[in-house]
Amino acid sequence: MENSTSPHLPLWGLTLHELSLEAATRRVFPMPRPGFPAVTASPDEWKKARSFSSARGQSGRFEDTVRQNDFIAASVETGKWDRVIDYVNREVFDKPAEYYSLDKLRHAAAVDRRLTLREILEKIFGLIPGFKSKDELLEEEFAKFVADYKPTEAEAILALKTYFKAYVSSDQVRHIIESGQLTDLATNPSFSTRDFKAVPAR
């Protein structure tokens, strides 16, 4: 076992919990982007397509429901997000006959990460133009990292970006780095031993 003396984010003054990226502090699961099935689609594929179409339709009805709710609209306008989220969970989700749920809304959005209810509501009320992908959020966080620590060499920046994204988004890579079992990187498909050695110590 190698000693974990090689560079990792904590040596740069960061820990996982200090990253502002939501994806770093909660599980992120990739979601499919279903399309219309071909004529030769299997029964399971047709079922998935119908499920997606149903979720998109319910998402539109959910938007109408929350926009027309005076309490939700007023609370969003004044930024009282705790009240909004609590209200939606209690008074809107899992009610007959629509049975809205956060999972169904996430499925309809077809984004490659788990959206928060606040994000969904922000988009409905026009506070954000759309949902950022997992990679877009990682790019934003890395730009902040570079601005704070100001690495100067172009090769170092590229190596750091590869490492940063792997460390933040992969439980497996994070475990390998933090446990010091660096030999396991030799068989890791997303972040290799070569990638790790390219990262500057400071």
N, C-alpha and C. Protein backbone atom coordinates (compact mmCIF):
# COMPACT_ATOMS: atom_id res chain seq x y z
N MET A 1 0.85 -1.20 0.00
CA MET A 1 0.00 0.00 0.00
C MET A 1 0.88 1.24 0.00
N GLU A 2 0.54 2.18 -0.86
CA GLU A 2 1.30 3.43 -0.91
C GLU A 2 0.78 4.41 0.12
N ASN A 3 1.66 5.22 0.60
CA ASN A 3 1.26 6.26 1.53
C ASN A 3 0.63 7.40 0.75
N SER A 4 -0.46 7.95 1.24
CA SER A 4 -1.18 9.00 0.51
C SER A 4 -0.50 10.35 0.72
N THR A 5 0.75 10.43 0.17
CA THR A 5 1.48 11.69 0.29
C THR A 5 1.42 12.47 -1.01
N SER A 6 0.86 11.86 -2.05
CA SER A 6 0.72 12.55 -3.32
C SER A 6 -0.39 13.58 -3.22
N PRO A 7 -0.47 14.46 -4.19
CA PRO A 7 -1.43 15.58 -4.08
C PRO A 7 -2.88 15.11 -4.11
N HIS A 8 -3.66 15.68 -3.26
CA HIS A 8 -5.11 15.52 -3.36
C HIS A 8 -5.74 16.78 -2.85
N LEU A 9 -7.01 16.92 -3.05
CA LEU A 9 -7.66 18.21 -2.78
C LEU A 9 -7.41 18.74 -1.38
N PRO A 10 -7.45 17.89 -0.32
CA PRO A 10 -7.18 18.45 1.01
C PRO A 10 -5.83 19.15 1.11
N LEU A 11 -4.80 18.68 0.33
CA LEU A 11 -3.49 19.35 0.39
C LEU A 11 -3.53 20.73 -0.23
N TRP A 12 -4.57 20.97 -1.03
CA TRP A 12 -4.74 22.30 -1.62
C TRP A 12 -5.61 23.17 -0.71
N GLY A 13 -5.86 22.69 0.49
CA GLY A 13 -6.65 23.48 1.42
C GLY A 13 -8.13 23.21 1.31
N LEU A 14 -8.53 22.16 0.60
CA LEU A 14 -9.94 21.85 0.43
C LEU A 14 -10.24 20.46 0.97
N THR A 15 -11.43 20.32 1.48
CA THR A 15 -11.94 19.00 1.81
C THR A 15 -13.24 18.83 1.04
N LEU A 16 -13.71 17.61 1.00
CA LEU A 16 -14.93 17.33 0.25
C LEU A 16 -16.08 18.19 0.74
N HIS A 17 -16.17 18.39 2.04
CA HIS A 17 -17.29 19.13 2.61
C HIS A 17 -17.20 20.63 2.36
N GLU A 18 -16.02 21.09 1.96
CA GLU A 18 -15.85 22.52 1.72
C GLU A 18 -16.16 22.89 0.28
N LEU A 19 -16.35 21.90 -0.57
CA LEU A 19 -16.70 22.21 -1.95
C LEU A 19 -18.14 22.67 -1.99
N SER A 20 -18.37 23.76 -2.69
CA SER A 20 -19.72 24.30 -2.75
C SER A 20 -20.60 23.55 -3.73
N LEU A 21 -20.01 22.72 -4.57
CA LEU A 21 -20.78 21.97 -5.56
C LEU A 21 -21.70 20.97 -4.88
N GLU A 22 -22.98 21.06 -5.18
CA GLU A 22 -23.93 20.14 -4.56
C GLU A 22 -23.60 18.70 -4.87
N ALA A 23 -23.11 18.45 -6.08
CA ALA A 23 -22.83 17.08 -6.47
C ALA A 23 -21.75 16.45 -5.60
N ALA A 24 -20.93 17.28 -4.94
CA ALA A 24 -19.88 16.74 -4.11
C ALA A 24 -20.39 16.28 -2.76
N THR A 25 -21.53 16.75 -2.34
CA THR A 25 -22.01 16.45 -1.00
C THR A 25 -23.27 15.61 -0.98
N ARG A 26 -23.72 15.20 -2.15
CA ARG A 26 -24.86 14.30 -2.19
C ARG A 26 -24.71 13.39 -3.38
N ARG A 27 -25.36 12.27 -3.36
CA ARG A 27 -25.20 11.29 -4.42
C ARG A 27 -25.77 11.84 -5.73
N VAL A 28 -25.06 11.57 -6.80
CA VAL A 28 -25.50 11.98 -8.12
C VAL A 28 -25.59 10.74 -8.98
N PHE A 29 -26.77 10.46 -9.48
CA PHE A 29 -26.97 9.29 -10.31
C PHE A 29 -27.28 9.72 -11.73
N PRO A 30 -26.58 9.14 -12.72
CA PRO A 30 -26.89 9.48 -14.10
C PRO A 30 -28.28 9.02 -14.48
N MET A 31 -28.97 9.82 -15.24
CA MET A 31 -30.31 9.49 -15.69
C MET A 31 -30.32 9.40 -17.20
N PRO A 32 -31.12 8.49 -17.77
CA PRO A 32 -31.17 8.38 -19.22
C PRO A 32 -31.86 9.56 -19.85
N ARG A 33 -31.65 9.71 -21.13
CA ARG A 33 -32.36 10.72 -21.91
C ARG A 33 -33.20 9.98 -22.94
N PRO A 34 -34.36 9.50 -22.54
CA PRO A 34 -35.15 8.68 -23.45
C PRO A 34 -35.64 9.49 -24.64
N GLY A 35 -35.78 8.81 -25.77
CA GLY A 35 -36.34 9.43 -26.96
C GLY A 35 -37.50 8.60 -27.46
N PHE A 36 -38.02 8.94 -28.63
CA PHE A 36 -39.09 8.13 -29.16
C PHE A 36 -38.52 6.81 -29.66
N PRO A 37 -39.13 5.70 -29.27
CA PRO A 37 -38.59 4.40 -29.67
C PRO A 37 -38.80 4.14 -31.15
N ALA A 38 -37.95 3.31 -31.72
CA ALA A 38 -38.11 2.89 -33.11
C ALA A 38 -39.31 1.96 -33.21
N VAL A 39 -39.76 1.75 -34.44
CA VAL A 39 -40.92 0.89 -34.66
C VAL A 39 -40.67 -0.51 -34.13
N THR A 40 -39.39 -0.93 -34.17
CA THR A 40 -39.04 -2.27 -33.73
C THR A 40 -38.72 -2.34 -32.24
N ALA A 41 -39.09 -1.34 -31.47
CA ALA A 41 -38.77 -1.31 -30.05
C ALA A 41 -39.41 -2.49 -29.33
N SER A 42 -38.69 -2.95 -28.29
CA SER A 42 -39.20 -4.05 -27.49
C SER A 42 -40.32 -3.55 -26.59
N PRO A 43 -41.11 -4.44 -26.00
CA PRO A 43 -42.17 -4.03 -25.06
C PRO A 43 -41.63 -3.19 -23.90
N ASP A 44 -40.45 -3.55 -23.41
CA ASP A 44 -39.86 -2.78 -22.31
C ASP A 44 -39.51 -1.37 -22.75
N GLU A 45 -39.02 -1.23 -23.98
CA GLU A 45 -38.67 0.10 -24.49
C GLU A 45 -39.91 0.96 -24.69
N TRP A 46 -40.97 0.35 -25.19
CA TRP A 46 -42.23 1.09 -25.33
C TRP A 46 -42.74 1.54 -23.96
N LYS A 47 -42.61 0.67 -22.98
CA LYS A 47 -43.08 1.00 -21.63
C LYS A 47 -42.30 2.18 -21.06
N LYS A 48 -40.98 2.18 -21.27
CA LYS A 48 -40.15 3.28 -20.78
C LYS A 48 -40.53 4.58 -21.48
N ALA A 49 -40.77 4.51 -22.78
CA ALA A 49 -41.13 5.71 -23.53
C ALA A 49 -42.46 6.28 -23.07
N ARG A 50 -43.43 5.40 -22.83
CA ARG A 50 -44.73 5.87 -22.33
C ARG A 50 -44.60 6.49 -20.95
N SER A 51 -43.74 5.87 -20.12
CA SER A 51 -43.51 6.40 -18.77
C SER A 51 -42.91 7.78 -18.83
N PHE A 52 -41.94 7.99 -19.74
CA PHE A 52 -41.30 9.30 -19.89
C PHE A 52 -42.30 10.34 -20.38
N SER A 53 -43.11 9.95 -21.38
CA SER A 53 -44.12 10.87 -21.91
C SER A 53 -45.10 11.28 -20.83
N SER A 54 -45.50 10.31 -20.00
CA SER A 54 -46.42 10.59 -18.90
C SER A 54 -45.79 11.54 -17.89
N ALA A 55 -44.50 11.32 -17.60
CA ALA A 55 -43.81 12.18 -16.63
C ALA A 55 -43.71 13.61 -17.15
N ARG A 56 -43.44 13.78 -18.46
CA ARG A 56 -43.36 15.12 -19.03
C ARG A 56 -44.70 15.83 -18.94
N GLY A 57 -45.79 15.08 -19.20
CA GLY A 57 -47.11 15.68 -19.10
C GLY A 57 -47.44 16.09 -17.68
N GLN A 58 -47.08 15.24 -16.73
CA GLN A 58 -47.34 15.57 -15.33
C GLN A 58 -46.51 16.76 -14.89
N SER A 59 -45.29 16.86 -15.41
CA SER A 59 -44.43 17.99 -15.07
C SER A 59 -45.08 19.31 -15.47
N GLY A 60 -45.70 19.33 -16.68
CA GLY A 60 -46.39 20.54 -17.12
C GLY A 60 -47.56 20.89 -16.22
N ARG A 61 -48.29 19.89 -15.79
CA ARG A 61 -49.42 20.14 -14.89
C ARG A 61 -48.93 20.61 -13.52
N PHE A 62 -47.79 20.09 -13.09
CA PHE A 62 -47.20 20.53 -11.82
C PHE A 62 -46.83 22.01 -11.89
N GLU A 63 -46.25 22.42 -13.02
CA GLU A 63 -45.90 23.83 -13.20
C GLU A 63 -47.14 24.70 -13.07
N ASP A 64 -48.22 24.32 -13.71
CA ASP A 64 -49.46 25.10 -13.62
C ASP A 64 -49.96 25.15 -12.18
N THR A 65 -49.87 24.02 -11.49
CA THR A 65 -50.36 23.93 -10.11
C THR A 65 -49.63 24.89 -9.19
N VAL A 66 -48.30 24.90 -9.27
CA VAL A 66 -47.54 25.74 -8.33
C VAL A 66 -47.61 27.21 -8.71
N ARG A 67 -47.66 27.51 -10.02
CA ARG A 67 -47.78 28.90 -10.43
C ARG A 67 -49.09 29.52 -9.96
N GLN A 68 -50.15 28.73 -9.95
CA GLN A 68 -51.48 29.23 -9.59
C GLN A 68 -51.72 29.24 -8.08
N ASN A 69 -50.76 28.74 -7.32
CA ASN A 69 -50.90 28.71 -5.87
C ASN A 69 -50.35 30.02 -5.29
N ASP A 70 -51.22 30.81 -4.68
CA ASP A 70 -50.82 32.13 -4.18
C ASP A 70 -49.76 32.03 -3.09
N PHE A 71 -49.88 31.05 -2.22
CA PHE A 71 -48.91 30.90 -1.12
C PHE A 71 -47.52 30.60 -1.68
N ILE A 72 -47.45 29.66 -2.62
CA ILE A 72 -46.16 29.30 -3.21
C ILE A 72 -45.57 30.48 -3.95
N ALA A 73 -46.37 31.15 -4.78
CA ALA A 73 -45.88 32.27 -5.57
C ALA A 73 -45.36 33.40 -4.68
N ALA A 74 -46.10 33.71 -3.63
CA ALA A 74 -45.68 34.79 -2.73
C ALA A 74 -44.42 34.42 -1.97
N SER A 75 -44.32 33.17 -1.53
CA SER A 75 -43.14 32.73 -0.77
C SER A 75 -41.90 32.69 -1.65
N VAL A 76 -42.06 32.29 -2.91
CA VAL A 76 -40.93 32.29 -3.83
C VAL A 76 -40.47 33.72 -4.07
N GLU A 77 -41.40 34.63 -4.24
CA GLU A 77 -41.07 36.03 -4.51
C GLU A 77 -40.28 36.65 -3.37
N THR A 78 -40.58 36.24 -2.14
CA THR A 78 -39.88 36.79 -0.98
C THR A 78 -38.69 35.94 -0.55
N GLY A 79 -38.41 34.88 -1.31
CA GLY A 79 -37.23 34.06 -1.03
C GLY A 79 -37.34 33.17 0.19
N LYS A 80 -38.55 32.83 0.59
CA LYS A 80 -38.75 31.98 1.78
C LYS A 80 -38.78 30.51 1.34
N TRP A 81 -37.61 30.01 0.96
CA TRP A 81 -37.54 28.70 0.35
C TRP A 81 -37.86 27.56 1.30
N ASP A 82 -37.51 27.69 2.56
CA ASP A 82 -37.84 26.63 3.52
C ASP A 82 -39.36 26.45 3.60
N ARG A 83 -40.09 27.56 3.61
CA ARG A 83 -41.55 27.49 3.66
C ARG A 83 -42.11 26.89 2.38
N VAL A 84 -41.55 27.29 1.24
CA VAL A 84 -42.03 26.79 -0.04
C VAL A 84 -41.84 25.28 -0.13
N ILE A 85 -40.64 24.82 0.16
CA ILE A 85 -40.32 23.40 0.02
C ILE A 85 -41.15 22.56 0.98
N ASP A 86 -41.28 23.04 2.22
CA ASP A 86 -42.11 22.31 3.19
C ASP A 86 -43.57 22.24 2.73
N TYR A 87 -44.07 23.33 2.20
CA TYR A 87 -45.46 23.37 1.74
C TYR A 87 -45.69 22.42 0.57
N VAL A 88 -44.79 22.45 -0.41
CA VAL A 88 -44.94 21.58 -1.57
C VAL A 88 -44.89 20.11 -1.15
N ASN A 89 -43.97 19.78 -0.26
CA ASN A 89 -43.87 18.40 0.20
C ASN A 89 -45.13 17.95 0.94
N ARG A 90 -45.74 18.86 1.70
CA ARG A 90 -46.91 18.50 2.50
C ARG A 90 -48.22 18.60 1.73
N GLU A 91 -48.34 19.65 0.92
CA GLU A 91 -49.65 19.98 0.34
C GLU A 91 -49.79 19.68 -1.16
N VAL A 92 -48.69 19.42 -1.83
CA VAL A 92 -48.77 19.22 -3.28
C VAL A 92 -48.36 17.81 -3.68
N PHE A 93 -47.27 17.32 -3.13
CA PHE A 93 -46.81 15.98 -3.50
C PHE A 93 -47.72 14.88 -2.96
N ASP A 94 -47.81 13.80 -3.76
CA ASP A 94 -48.51 12.57 -3.36
C ASP A 94 -49.97 12.80 -2.99
N LYS A 95 -50.61 13.68 -3.74
CA LYS A 95 -52.03 13.93 -3.52
C LYS A 95 -52.83 13.43 -4.72
N PRO A 96 -54.00 12.86 -4.49
CA PRO A 96 -54.85 12.46 -5.62
C PRO A 96 -55.24 13.73 -6.40
N ALA A 97 -55.41 13.69 -7.73
CA ALA A 97 -55.30 12.48 -8.51
C ALA A 97 -53.98 12.43 -9.26
N GLU A 98 -53.13 13.44 -9.13
CA GLU A 98 -51.90 13.49 -9.90
C GLU A 98 -50.76 12.72 -9.27
N TYR A 99 -50.69 12.71 -7.94
CA TYR A 99 -49.58 12.06 -7.23
C TYR A 99 -48.23 12.57 -7.73
N TYR A 100 -48.08 13.90 -7.68
CA TYR A 100 -46.80 14.47 -8.04
C TYR A 100 -45.73 13.98 -7.07
N SER A 101 -44.51 13.85 -7.56
CA SER A 101 -43.39 13.50 -6.68
C SER A 101 -42.11 14.07 -7.27
N LEU A 102 -41.11 14.24 -6.42
CA LEU A 102 -39.84 14.78 -6.87
C LEU A 102 -39.17 13.83 -7.87
N ASP A 103 -39.27 12.54 -7.63
CA ASP A 103 -38.66 11.57 -8.55
C ASP A 103 -39.27 11.68 -9.95
N LYS A 104 -40.58 11.85 -10.02
CA LYS A 104 -41.23 11.97 -11.34
C LYS A 104 -40.80 13.25 -12.05
N LEU A 105 -40.67 14.33 -11.30
CA LEU A 105 -40.23 15.59 -11.90
C LEU A 105 -38.79 15.51 -12.38
N ARG A 106 -37.94 14.81 -11.62
CA ARG A 106 -36.56 14.61 -12.05
C ARG A 106 -36.51 13.79 -13.33
N HIS A 107 -37.34 12.78 -13.39
CA HIS A 107 -37.38 11.92 -14.57
C HIS A 107 -37.80 12.72 -15.80
N ALA A 108 -38.77 13.58 -15.63
CA ALA A 108 -39.25 14.40 -16.74
C ALA A 108 -38.19 15.38 -17.21
N ALA A 109 -37.39 15.90 -16.28
CA ALA A 109 -36.35 16.87 -16.64
C ALA A 109 -35.21 16.24 -17.42
N ALA A 110 -34.97 14.94 -17.20
CA ALA A 110 -33.93 14.19 -17.93
C ALA A 110 -32.56 14.85 -17.84
N VAL A 111 -32.17 15.24 -16.64
CA VAL A 111 -30.85 15.81 -16.39
C VAL A 111 -29.98 14.74 -15.76
N ASP A 112 -28.66 14.79 -16.01
CA ASP A 112 -27.77 13.72 -15.56
C ASP A 112 -27.35 13.84 -14.10
N ARG A 113 -28.18 14.41 -13.27
CA ARG A 113 -27.94 14.48 -11.84
C ARG A 113 -29.29 14.63 -11.14
N ARG A 114 -29.28 14.50 -9.83
CA ARG A 114 -30.52 14.57 -9.07
C ARG A 114 -30.84 16.03 -8.73
N LEU A 115 -31.82 16.57 -9.42
CA LEU A 115 -32.22 17.95 -9.18
C LEU A 115 -32.84 18.10 -7.80
N THR A 116 -32.69 19.28 -7.23
CA THR A 116 -33.37 19.59 -5.98
C THR A 116 -34.74 20.19 -6.29
N LEU A 117 -35.63 20.12 -5.34
CA LEU A 117 -36.95 20.73 -5.52
C LEU A 117 -36.81 22.23 -5.72
N ARG A 118 -35.89 22.84 -5.02
CA ARG A 118 -35.70 24.29 -5.19
C ARG A 118 -35.31 24.62 -6.62
N GLU A 119 -34.41 23.87 -7.23
CA GLU A 119 -34.03 24.12 -8.61
C GLU A 119 -35.23 24.05 -9.55
N ILE A 120 -36.05 23.03 -9.34
CA ILE A 120 -37.22 22.85 -10.19
C ILE A 120 -38.16 24.04 -10.05
N LEU A 121 -38.38 24.49 -8.83
CA LEU A 121 -39.26 25.64 -8.60
C LEU A 121 -38.64 26.93 -9.16
N GLU A 122 -37.33 27.07 -9.02
CA GLU A 122 -36.67 28.26 -9.57
C GLU A 122 -36.86 28.34 -11.08
N LYS A 123 -36.78 27.21 -11.75
CA LYS A 123 -36.98 27.22 -13.20
C LYS A 123 -38.44 27.54 -13.54
N ILE A 124 -39.38 26.96 -12.80
CA ILE A 124 -40.80 27.21 -13.06
C ILE A 124 -41.12 28.69 -12.94
N PHE A 125 -40.53 29.35 -11.95
CA PHE A 125 -40.82 30.77 -11.72
C PHE A 125 -39.84 31.71 -12.44
N GLY A 126 -39.05 31.16 -13.36
CA GLY A 126 -38.19 31.98 -14.19
C GLY A 126 -36.97 32.55 -13.51
N LEU A 127 -36.56 31.98 -12.38
CA LEU A 127 -35.39 32.49 -11.67
C LEU A 127 -34.09 31.94 -12.25
N ILE A 128 -34.16 30.83 -12.94
CA ILE A 128 -33.02 30.28 -13.66
C ILE A 128 -33.50 29.90 -15.06
N PRO A 129 -32.63 29.99 -16.07
CA PRO A 129 -33.08 29.70 -17.44
C PRO A 129 -33.24 28.22 -17.73
N GLY A 130 -32.53 27.38 -16.99
CA GLY A 130 -32.59 25.95 -17.23
C GLY A 130 -31.77 25.22 -16.20
N PHE A 131 -31.69 23.91 -16.35
CA PHE A 131 -30.94 23.08 -15.41
C PHE A 131 -29.54 22.83 -15.94
N LYS A 132 -28.55 23.12 -15.13
CA LYS A 132 -27.17 22.85 -15.53
C LYS A 132 -26.87 21.36 -15.37
N SER A 133 -26.08 20.85 -16.30
CA SER A 133 -25.68 19.46 -16.22
C SER A 133 -24.62 19.28 -15.13
N LYS A 134 -24.37 18.05 -14.80
CA LYS A 134 -23.34 17.74 -13.81
C LYS A 134 -21.99 18.31 -14.24
N ASP A 135 -21.65 18.17 -15.53
CA ASP A 135 -20.35 18.64 -16.00
C ASP A 135 -20.28 20.17 -15.97
N GLU A 136 -21.37 20.83 -16.28
CA GLU A 136 -21.39 22.30 -16.23
C GLU A 136 -21.13 22.80 -14.80
N LEU A 137 -21.72 22.13 -13.82
CA LEU A 137 -21.48 22.52 -12.43
C LEU A 137 -20.03 22.27 -12.03
N LEU A 138 -19.48 21.14 -12.49
CA LEU A 138 -18.08 20.85 -12.19
C LEU A 138 -17.15 21.90 -12.83
N GLU A 139 -17.46 22.30 -14.05
CA GLU A 139 -16.65 23.33 -14.71
C GLU A 139 -16.69 24.64 -13.93
N GLU A 140 -17.86 25.01 -13.43
CA GLU A 140 -17.98 26.24 -12.65
C GLU A 140 -17.17 26.16 -11.37
N GLU A 141 -17.26 25.03 -10.69
CA GLU A 141 -16.53 24.88 -9.43
C GLU A 141 -15.02 24.86 -9.66
N PHE A 142 -14.61 24.24 -10.77
CA PHE A 142 -13.17 24.22 -11.05
C PHE A 142 -12.66 25.61 -11.38
N ALA A 143 -13.46 26.40 -12.07
CA ALA A 143 -13.06 27.78 -12.37
C ALA A 143 -12.86 28.57 -11.08
N LYS A 144 -13.72 28.35 -10.09
CA LYS A 144 -13.54 29.00 -8.79
C LYS A 144 -12.25 28.53 -8.12
N PHE A 145 -12.00 27.22 -8.22
CA PHE A 145 -10.79 26.64 -7.64
C PHE A 145 -9.53 27.28 -8.25
N VAL A 146 -9.51 27.41 -9.58
CA VAL A 146 -8.37 28.00 -10.27
C VAL A 146 -8.22 29.47 -9.87
N ALA A 147 -9.32 30.18 -9.75
CA ALA A 147 -9.26 31.59 -9.36
C ALA A 147 -8.67 31.75 -7.96
N ASP A 148 -8.97 30.81 -7.07
CA ASP A 148 -8.47 30.90 -5.69
C ASP A 148 -6.99 30.51 -5.58
N TYR A 149 -6.59 29.44 -6.30
CA TYR A 149 -5.25 28.89 -6.11
C TYR A 149 -4.27 29.25 -7.22
N LYS A 150 -4.78 29.77 -8.33
CA LYS A 150 -3.97 30.37 -9.40
C LYS A 150 -2.79 29.51 -9.86
N PRO A 151 -3.04 28.27 -10.26
CA PRO A 151 -1.96 27.52 -10.91
C PRO A 151 -1.61 28.19 -12.23
N THR A 152 -0.33 28.21 -12.57
CA THR A 152 0.11 29.01 -13.72
C THR A 152 0.36 28.18 -14.98
N GLU A 153 0.83 26.97 -14.85
CA GLU A 153 1.16 26.17 -16.02
C GLU A 153 -0.10 25.55 -16.62
N ALA A 154 -0.20 25.62 -17.94
CA ALA A 154 -1.38 25.09 -18.63
C ALA A 154 -1.54 23.59 -18.40
N GLU A 155 -0.43 22.85 -18.41
CA GLU A 155 -0.50 21.40 -18.20
C GLU A 155 -0.98 21.09 -16.79
N ALA A 156 -0.58 21.91 -15.84
CA ALA A 156 -1.01 21.70 -14.46
C ALA A 156 -2.51 21.92 -14.33
N ILE A 157 -3.03 22.92 -15.03
CA ILE A 157 -4.46 23.21 -14.96
C ILE A 157 -5.27 22.04 -15.54
N LEU A 158 -4.82 21.49 -16.65
CA LEU A 158 -5.52 20.36 -17.27
C LEU A 158 -5.50 19.14 -16.35
N ALA A 159 -4.34 18.87 -15.75
CA ALA A 159 -4.22 17.72 -14.85
C ALA A 159 -5.09 17.92 -13.61
N LEU A 160 -5.11 19.14 -13.10
CA LEU A 160 -5.93 19.44 -11.94
C LEU A 160 -7.42 19.29 -12.25
N LYS A 161 -7.83 19.72 -13.45
CA LYS A 161 -9.23 19.60 -13.81
C LYS A 161 -9.66 18.13 -13.87
N THR A 162 -8.82 17.31 -14.49
CA THR A 162 -9.13 15.88 -14.56
C THR A 162 -9.28 15.29 -13.17
N TYR A 163 -8.34 15.66 -12.30
CA TYR A 163 -8.37 15.16 -10.92
C TYR A 163 -9.57 15.70 -10.15
N PHE A 164 -9.80 16.98 -10.28
CA PHE A 164 -10.90 17.63 -9.57
C PHE A 164 -12.23 16.96 -9.89
N LYS A 165 -12.50 16.75 -11.19
CA LYS A 165 -13.77 16.16 -11.60
C LYS A 165 -13.89 14.73 -11.10
N ALA A 166 -12.80 13.98 -11.19
CA ALA A 166 -12.84 12.59 -10.74
C ALA A 166 -13.06 12.50 -9.24
N TYR A 167 -12.35 13.34 -8.50
CA TYR A 167 -12.45 13.31 -7.03
C TYR A 167 -13.84 13.70 -6.55
N VAL A 168 -14.41 14.72 -7.17
CA VAL A 168 -15.72 15.21 -6.73
C VAL A 168 -16.85 14.26 -7.12
N SER A 169 -16.76 13.68 -8.31
CA SER A 169 -17.91 12.95 -8.84
C SER A 169 -17.86 11.44 -8.63
N SER A 170 -16.73 10.90 -8.25
CA SER A 170 -16.61 9.44 -8.13
C SER A 170 -16.33 9.01 -6.69
N ASP A 171 -17.25 8.26 -6.11
CA ASP A 171 -17.04 7.71 -4.77
C ASP A 171 -15.83 6.79 -4.75
N GLN A 172 -15.64 6.04 -5.84
CA GLN A 172 -14.55 5.09 -5.90
C GLN A 172 -13.19 5.80 -5.90
N VAL A 173 -13.07 6.82 -6.74
CA VAL A 173 -11.81 7.57 -6.78
C VAL A 173 -11.54 8.24 -5.44
N ARG A 174 -12.56 8.81 -4.86
CA ARG A 174 -12.41 9.48 -3.57
C ARG A 174 -11.93 8.49 -2.50
N HIS A 175 -12.50 7.30 -2.51
CA HIS A 175 -12.10 6.28 -1.53
C HIS A 175 -10.65 5.88 -1.73
N ILE A 176 -10.25 5.69 -2.99
CA ILE A 176 -8.87 5.29 -3.27
C ILE A 176 -7.89 6.35 -2.78
N ILE A 177 -8.18 7.61 -3.07
CA ILE A 177 -7.29 8.70 -2.67
C ILE A 177 -7.21 8.83 -1.15
N GLU A 178 -8.36 8.82 -0.51
CA GLU A 178 -8.40 9.07 0.93
C GLU A 178 -7.88 7.89 1.74
N SER A 179 -7.98 6.68 1.19
CA SER A 179 -7.47 5.50 1.89
C SER A 179 -6.00 5.26 1.61
N GLY A 180 -5.47 5.95 0.60
CA GLY A 180 -4.07 5.76 0.25
C GLY A 180 -3.78 4.53 -0.58
N GLN A 181 -4.82 3.86 -1.05
CA GLN A 181 -4.64 2.64 -1.84
C GLN A 181 -4.46 3.02 -3.32
N LEU A 182 -3.40 3.73 -3.59
CA LEU A 182 -3.20 4.34 -4.90
C LEU A 182 -2.94 3.32 -6.00
N THR A 183 -2.50 2.12 -5.65
CA THR A 183 -2.28 1.10 -6.67
C THR A 183 -3.59 0.72 -7.36
N ASP A 184 -4.72 0.96 -6.69
CA ASP A 184 -6.02 0.64 -7.29
C ASP A 184 -6.33 1.55 -8.48
N LEU A 185 -5.63 2.67 -8.59
CA LEU A 185 -5.86 3.55 -9.72
C LEU A 185 -5.42 2.92 -11.04
N ALA A 186 -4.54 1.92 -10.95
CA ALA A 186 -4.03 1.28 -12.16
C ALA A 186 -5.14 0.63 -12.98
N THR A 187 -6.21 0.24 -12.31
CA THR A 187 -7.33 -0.42 -13.00
C THR A 187 -8.59 0.44 -12.99
N ASN A 188 -8.46 1.69 -12.57
CA ASN A 188 -9.63 2.56 -12.52
C ASN A 188 -9.88 3.17 -13.90
N PRO A 189 -11.09 3.03 -14.44
CA PRO A 189 -11.36 3.50 -15.81
C PRO A 189 -11.49 5.01 -15.95
N SER A 190 -11.83 5.71 -14.87
CA SER A 190 -12.09 7.14 -14.98
C SER A 190 -10.92 8.01 -14.56
N PHE A 191 -10.02 7.47 -13.74
CA PHE A 191 -8.88 8.27 -13.27
C PHE A 191 -7.74 7.29 -12.97
N SER A 192 -6.70 7.36 -13.80
CA SER A 192 -5.63 6.36 -13.75
C SER A 192 -4.45 6.82 -12.89
N THR A 193 -3.51 5.90 -12.71
CA THR A 193 -2.27 6.23 -12.01
C THR A 193 -1.52 7.35 -12.73
N ARG A 194 -1.53 7.28 -14.06
CA ARG A 194 -0.88 8.31 -14.85
C ARG A 194 -1.53 9.67 -14.63
N ASP A 195 -2.86 9.69 -14.58
CA ASP A 195 -3.57 10.95 -14.31
C ASP A 195 -3.16 11.51 -12.96
N PHE A 196 -3.08 10.65 -11.97
CA PHE A 196 -2.75 11.09 -10.63
C PHE A 196 -1.34 11.66 -10.53
N LYS A 197 -0.40 10.99 -11.20
CA LYS A 197 0.98 11.45 -11.13
C LYS A 197 1.19 12.79 -11.85
N ALA A 198 0.27 13.12 -12.75
CA ALA A 198 0.38 14.39 -13.48
C ALA A 198 -0.05 15.60 -12.65
N VAL A 199 -0.71 15.34 -11.51
CA VAL A 199 -1.20 16.43 -10.68
C VAL A 199 -0.07 17.03 -9.87
N PRO A 200 0.13 18.36 -9.96
CA PRO A 200 1.21 18.98 -9.18
C PRO A 200 0.89 18.95 -7.69
N ALA A 201 1.97 18.90 -6.88
CA ALA A 201 1.77 18.83 -5.44
C ALA A 201 1.17 20.11 -4.88
N ARG A 202 1.50 21.24 -5.48
CA ARG A 202 0.99 22.53 -5.00
C ARG A 202 0.64 23.42 -6.17
